[in-house]
Protein backbone atom coordinates (compact mmCIF):
# COMPACT_ATOMS: atom_id res chain seq x y z
CA MET A 1 5.43 55.87 -44.55
CA LYS A 2 6.10 55.87 -40.80
CA TYR A 3 2.80 54.10 -40.11
CA LEU A 4 3.44 51.61 -42.90
CA LEU A 5 6.81 50.66 -41.38
CA LEU A 6 5.22 50.24 -37.98
CA PHE A 7 2.65 47.92 -39.55
CA LEU A 8 5.25 45.83 -41.41
CA LEU A 9 7.78 45.59 -38.59
CA PRO A 10 5.93 42.88 -36.61
CA CYS A 11 5.58 40.84 -39.81
CA PHE A 12 9.32 40.87 -40.39
CA ALA A 13 10.05 40.26 -36.72
CA PHE A 14 8.06 37.05 -36.69
CA THR A 15 9.00 35.76 -40.15
CA SER A 16 11.56 32.96 -40.25
CA ASP A 17 12.47 30.14 -42.58
CA LYS A 18 12.11 26.63 -41.22
CA PRO A 19 13.32 24.41 -44.05
CA ALA A 20 12.11 20.83 -43.82
CA TYR A 21 15.08 19.52 -45.81
CA GLN A 22 18.21 20.43 -47.73
CA PHE A 23 19.98 18.45 -50.44
CA TYR A 24 23.77 18.32 -50.58
CA THR A 25 26.14 16.89 -53.14
CA GLN A 26 28.49 14.01 -52.44
CA LYS A 27 31.07 16.59 -51.29
CA LEU A 28 28.51 18.34 -49.06
CA LYS A 29 27.95 21.35 -51.27
CA THR A 30 24.38 22.65 -51.18
CA THR A 31 22.30 21.70 -54.20
CA SER A 32 18.68 21.77 -55.28
CA TYR A 33 15.89 19.28 -55.82
CA GLN A 34 15.92 20.28 -59.50
CA LYS A 35 19.55 19.16 -59.76
CA VAL A 36 18.64 15.83 -58.15
CA LEU A 37 15.75 15.45 -60.60
CA LYS A 38 17.98 16.22 -63.59
CA GLU A 39 20.62 13.67 -62.59
CA ALA A 40 17.97 11.07 -61.75
CA GLY A 41 16.35 11.46 -65.16
CA GLU A 42 19.65 10.68 -66.86
CA ALA A 43 20.40 7.58 -64.78
CA ASP A 44 19.80 3.91 -65.45
CA ILE A 45 18.99 3.24 -61.79
CA VAL A 46 18.17 5.65 -58.98
CA PHE A 47 18.29 4.56 -55.36
CA PHE A 48 16.26 6.63 -52.91
CA GLY A 49 17.70 5.61 -49.58
CA GLU A 50 15.06 6.49 -47.01
CA LEU A 51 14.58 6.56 -43.28
CA HIS A 52 11.57 4.28 -43.01
CA ASN A 53 9.57 6.41 -40.57
CA ASN A 54 10.43 9.85 -41.95
CA PRO A 55 7.58 11.75 -43.65
CA ILE A 56 9.92 14.02 -45.62
CA CYS A 57 11.52 10.98 -47.26
CA HIS A 58 8.13 9.58 -48.24
CA TRP A 59 6.86 12.92 -49.56
CA LEU A 60 9.99 13.46 -51.66
CA GLU A 61 9.83 9.89 -52.97
CA LEU A 62 6.36 10.65 -54.28
CA GLN A 63 7.42 13.99 -55.76
CA LEU A 64 10.43 12.43 -57.47
CA THR A 65 8.22 9.67 -58.88
CA LYS A 66 5.73 12.19 -60.25
CA ASP A 67 8.40 14.42 -61.76
CA LEU A 68 10.33 11.56 -63.31
CA TYR A 69 7.10 10.30 -64.80
CA GLU A 70 6.61 13.66 -66.49
CA GLN A 71 10.02 13.14 -68.12
CA LYS A 72 10.05 9.43 -68.77
CA LYS A 73 6.40 8.35 -69.00
CA GLU A 74 6.31 4.56 -69.57
CA GLN A 75 10.12 4.49 -69.45
CA LEU A 76 9.93 4.84 -65.66
CA MET A 77 9.94 1.68 -63.53
CA LEU A 78 9.60 1.42 -59.77
CA GLY A 79 10.99 -1.14 -57.35
CA ALA A 80 11.02 -1.39 -53.59
CA GLU A 81 12.58 -3.17 -50.65
CA MET A 82 9.18 -2.98 -48.99
CA PHE A 83 7.74 -5.72 -51.23
CA GLU A 84 9.08 -9.28 -51.20
CA ALA A 85 9.64 -11.29 -54.35
CA ASP A 86 7.06 -13.97 -53.58
CA ASN A 87 4.42 -11.22 -53.42
CA GLN A 88 5.12 -10.03 -56.97
CA THR A 89 1.95 -11.52 -58.42
CA ALA A 90 -0.22 -9.85 -55.78
CA LEU A 91 1.57 -6.53 -56.33
CA SER A 92 1.29 -6.74 -60.12
CA ASP A 93 -2.38 -7.68 -59.95
CA TYR A 94 -3.13 -4.63 -57.82
CA VAL A 95 -1.06 -2.22 -59.92
CA SER A 96 -2.66 -3.51 -63.12
CA GLY A 97 -6.15 -3.07 -61.68
CA LYS A 98 -7.02 -6.76 -61.47
CA THR A 99 -7.60 -6.57 -57.72
CA THR A 100 -8.87 -3.91 -55.33
CA ASP A 101 -7.34 -2.02 -52.45
CA LYS A 102 -9.29 -4.28 -50.11
CA GLU A 103 -7.99 -7.48 -51.68
CA PHE A 104 -4.33 -6.46 -51.96
CA PRO A 105 -3.54 -6.39 -48.20
CA LYS A 106 -4.97 -9.89 -47.88
CA GLN A 107 -2.79 -11.22 -50.68
CA ALA A 108 0.56 -9.63 -49.80
CA ARG A 109 2.66 -9.07 -46.69
CA LEU A 110 2.61 -5.30 -46.32
CA TRP A 111 4.63 -3.19 -43.93
CA ASN A 112 2.66 -1.64 -41.09
CA ASN A 113 3.21 1.84 -42.55
CA TYR A 114 2.14 0.86 -46.06
CA LYS A 115 -1.08 2.91 -46.07
CA THR A 116 0.56 6.17 -45.05
CA ASP A 117 4.01 5.84 -46.62
CA TYR A 118 3.98 3.50 -49.63
CA ARG A 119 0.42 3.27 -50.86
CA PRO A 120 0.65 6.73 -52.52
CA LEU A 121 3.54 5.43 -54.66
CA VAL A 122 1.77 2.19 -55.55
CA ASP A 123 -1.47 4.00 -56.35
CA PHE A 124 0.41 6.45 -58.59
CA ALA A 125 1.88 3.48 -60.45
CA ARG A 126 -1.59 1.91 -60.72
CA GLU A 127 -3.06 5.15 -62.08
CA HIS A 128 -0.31 5.56 -64.69
CA LYS A 129 0.23 1.88 -65.50
CA LEU A 130 3.83 1.75 -64.30
CA SER A 131 5.59 -1.49 -63.40
CA VAL A 132 6.41 -1.97 -59.72
CA VAL A 133 8.94 -4.69 -58.87
CA ALA A 134 8.97 -6.51 -55.53
CA THR A 135 12.74 -6.77 -55.12
CA ASN A 136 13.33 -7.98 -51.57
CA VAL A 137 14.00 -11.54 -50.47
CA PRO A 138 11.12 -13.14 -48.53
CA ARG A 139 11.82 -12.30 -44.92
CA ARG A 140 11.72 -15.92 -43.76
CA TYR A 141 14.87 -16.64 -45.76
CA ALA A 142 16.73 -13.60 -44.43
CA SER A 143 15.71 -14.65 -40.91
CA ALA A 144 17.00 -18.16 -41.54
CA VAL A 145 20.36 -16.79 -42.70
CA ALA A 146 20.57 -14.57 -39.62
CA ARG A 147 20.05 -17.61 -37.38
CA GLN A 148 21.85 -20.38 -39.25
CA GLY A 149 23.94 -18.83 -42.01
CA LEU A 150 23.80 -19.17 -45.78
CA ALA A 151 23.78 -22.97 -45.52
CA SER A 152 20.16 -22.68 -44.38
CA LEU A 153 19.22 -21.82 -47.97
CA ASP A 154 20.49 -25.17 -49.26
CA THR A 155 17.25 -26.86 -48.20
CA VAL A 156 14.95 -24.32 -49.82
CA PRO A 157 12.88 -26.05 -52.54
CA ALA A 158 14.10 -25.33 -56.06
CA ALA A 159 10.92 -23.51 -57.07
CA GLN A 160 11.20 -21.15 -54.09
CA LYS A 161 14.85 -20.33 -54.85
CA ALA A 162 13.45 -18.24 -57.71
CA TRP A 163 12.66 -15.64 -55.02
CA ILE A 164 16.29 -15.43 -53.88
CA ALA A 165 19.46 -14.17 -55.55
CA PRO A 166 21.27 -16.99 -57.41
CA LEU A 167 23.17 -19.26 -55.05
CA PRO A 168 25.86 -19.80 -53.89
CA LEU A 169 26.19 -16.19 -52.79
CA THR A 170 29.48 -14.36 -52.36
CA VAL A 171 29.52 -12.19 -49.24
CA ASP A 172 32.52 -9.94 -48.61
CA LEU A 173 32.41 -9.19 -44.89
CA THR A 174 35.34 -6.78 -45.26
CA LEU A 175 33.18 -4.29 -47.17
CA PRO A 176 32.83 -1.20 -44.94
CA GLY A 177 29.04 -1.46 -44.60
CA TYR A 178 29.06 -5.07 -43.46
CA LYS A 179 32.16 -4.55 -41.34
CA ALA A 180 30.40 -1.69 -39.55
CA MET A 181 27.56 -4.07 -38.71
CA LEU A 182 30.04 -6.56 -37.30
CA ASP A 183 31.79 -3.87 -35.27
CA MET A 184 28.45 -2.65 -33.91
CA MET A 185 27.51 -6.13 -32.76
CA HIS A 186 30.94 -6.71 -31.23
CA GLY A 187 30.66 -3.46 -29.33
CA ASP A 188 27.73 -4.86 -27.38
CA ALA A 189 29.93 -7.54 -25.86
CA VAL A 190 33.66 -7.05 -26.16
CA SER A 191 35.87 -4.54 -27.90
CA THR A 192 36.55 -5.17 -31.58
CA SER A 193 40.28 -5.18 -30.88
CA ALA A 194 39.78 -8.30 -28.79
CA ARG A 195 38.39 -10.23 -31.77
CA LYS A 196 40.28 -11.28 -34.85
CA GLU A 197 37.29 -12.95 -36.48
CA PRO A 198 33.61 -12.09 -36.20
CA SER A 199 31.41 -14.41 -34.20
CA ASP A 200 29.10 -16.71 -36.16
CA GLN A 201 26.11 -14.76 -34.89
CA ALA A 202 27.51 -11.42 -36.01
CA ALA A 203 28.69 -12.77 -39.37
CA ASN A 204 25.31 -14.34 -40.06
CA PHE A 205 23.57 -11.06 -39.25
CA ALA A 206 25.72 -9.35 -41.90
CA ARG A 207 25.09 -12.22 -44.33
CA ALA A 208 21.33 -11.76 -43.84
CA GLN A 209 21.80 -8.15 -44.88
CA ALA A 210 23.79 -9.33 -47.88
CA ILE A 211 21.12 -11.77 -49.05
CA LYS A 212 18.69 -8.86 -49.08
CA ASP A 213 21.13 -6.65 -50.99
CA ALA A 214 21.97 -9.37 -53.51
CA THR A 215 18.32 -10.27 -54.07
CA MET A 216 17.33 -6.67 -54.62
CA ALA A 217 20.16 -6.28 -57.12
CA HIS A 218 19.11 -9.50 -58.85
CA PHE A 219 15.50 -8.44 -59.37
CA ILE A 220 16.47 -4.94 -60.46
CA LEU A 221 18.69 -6.39 -63.18
CA GLN A 222 16.13 -9.03 -64.09
CA ASN A 223 13.39 -6.44 -64.64
CA ARG A 224 15.01 -3.21 -65.80
CA LYS A 225 14.78 -2.30 -69.48
CA THR A 226 17.37 -0.56 -71.62
CA GLY A 227 16.54 3.12 -71.97
CA SER A 228 14.36 3.19 -68.87
CA THR A 229 15.00 4.71 -65.46
CA PHE A 230 14.50 2.30 -62.57
CA LEU A 231 13.63 4.16 -59.37
CA HIS A 232 14.21 1.99 -56.31
CA PHE A 233 13.11 2.70 -52.75
CA ASN A 234 15.06 1.16 -49.88
CA GLY A 235 16.39 1.83 -46.45
CA SER A 236 19.36 4.16 -46.81
CA TYR A 237 21.72 1.58 -45.31
CA HIS A 238 21.22 -0.69 -48.34
CA SER A 239 22.79 1.86 -50.70
CA ASN A 240 24.93 4.14 -48.53
CA HIS A 241 28.53 4.62 -49.68
CA PHE A 242 27.56 3.00 -53.01
CA GLU A 243 27.72 -0.40 -51.31
CA GLY A 244 25.06 -2.99 -50.47
CA ILE A 245 22.76 -3.40 -53.46
CA ILE A 246 25.09 -1.38 -55.67
CA TRP A 247 28.09 -3.61 -54.96
CA TYR A 248 26.13 -6.60 -56.24
CA LEU A 249 24.91 -4.66 -59.28
CA ARG A 250 28.47 -3.70 -60.17
CA GLN A 251 29.57 -7.33 -60.11
CA LYS A 252 27.17 -7.99 -63.01
CA GLN A 253 26.99 -4.67 -64.87
CA PRO A 254 29.79 -2.28 -63.91
CA ASP A 255 28.85 0.26 -66.59
CA LEU A 256 25.41 1.14 -65.20
CA LYS A 257 24.79 4.83 -64.55
CA ILE A 258 23.63 4.90 -60.94
CA VAL A 259 22.46 7.85 -58.86
CA THR A 260 21.98 7.44 -55.12
CA ILE A 261 20.17 9.51 -52.52
CA ALA A 262 20.97 9.01 -48.85
CA SER A 263 18.83 10.36 -46.02
CA VAL A 264 20.23 11.64 -42.74
CA GLU A 265 18.79 13.49 -39.77
CA VAL A 266 20.77 16.43 -38.36
CA PRO A 267 20.10 19.14 -35.76
CA ASP A 268 20.44 21.90 -38.38
CA VAL A 269 20.02 21.19 -42.10
CA ALA A 270 22.19 24.22 -42.86
CA LYS A 271 25.14 22.59 -41.09
CA PRO A 272 26.02 19.26 -42.72
CA ASP A 273 28.06 16.73 -40.77
CA LYS A 274 31.40 16.00 -42.45
CA ALA A 275 30.94 12.35 -41.49
CA ASN A 276 28.26 12.15 -44.20
CA GLN A 277 30.59 13.16 -47.02
CA ASN A 278 30.64 10.60 -49.86
CA LEU A 279 27.54 8.88 -48.46
CA ALA A 280 25.72 9.14 -51.80
CA SER A 281 25.42 11.12 -55.02
CA PHE A 282 23.01 13.38 -53.13
CA ILE A 283 22.53 13.54 -49.37
CA LEU A 284 19.13 14.57 -48.08
CA HIS A 285 19.41 16.36 -44.74
CA ILE A 286 16.28 16.45 -42.58
CA PRO A 287 15.83 18.07 -39.15
CA SER A 288 16.31 15.50 -36.42
CA ASP A 289 13.16 16.70 -34.66
CA MET A 290 11.00 16.00 -37.72
CA THR A 291 7.81 14.17 -36.75
CA LYS A 292 7.71 10.45 -37.55
CA THR A 293 5.12 8.32 -39.29
CA TYR A 294 5.43 5.62 -36.59
């Protein structure tokens, strides 16, 4: 027995847990992936708010997609900020098998990290014949709003307005998420206390965020089916605090059952930051020194 203990002692001495993530509830109580999966399977819409360059987010997005598929089969739908509405035909053609993986990148504007981070999701949908919805506004229109305001959309041809949320668009700049953007931009120049109204530049930047949020909400509602679960992937900022996309959804269908996941990076996943309380239905904590995909 003595020799056995001597043999095992080094093993115990050098054994340590290094968790790559930890889920918490809205009130920052520890919870499990299985609990997230259960709640997601009972929801109308699930928002996975990611950090775009975080590999843990992308891996869990794929796992959640696979596990929800086991529950829902053809009643699972996917949607993503990473695909713009005017690329829907190209996306649908690839997912349905009409085009190849060599043709798709030539037909759609893909993010630089598509191959590593989003292609696994799209290929899973292709393999299992799931619908994937390109929900985001074409970036040229968001850029125009950021530069010139919502009035810049007035000159968009009628046919192309089909790729944008219905206009005119209501933007409430007092919503905490948009107000935080304004405050951040003000902080670069003068203190927020010195300004009673946001500058045109700052306000238009927030409005550009809003046109993305509203358009994503629009295409989710336009495509979702009763009885299905719509799993949407987006930057966490678009759904944090149940704002952004969700605010626009609630204006149209306040009774939707929505589950949100927010992603945050922290020094120690076992020690949640109280500032993240109420950020989402579930808050995914990831070590801040996690390697990045770009």
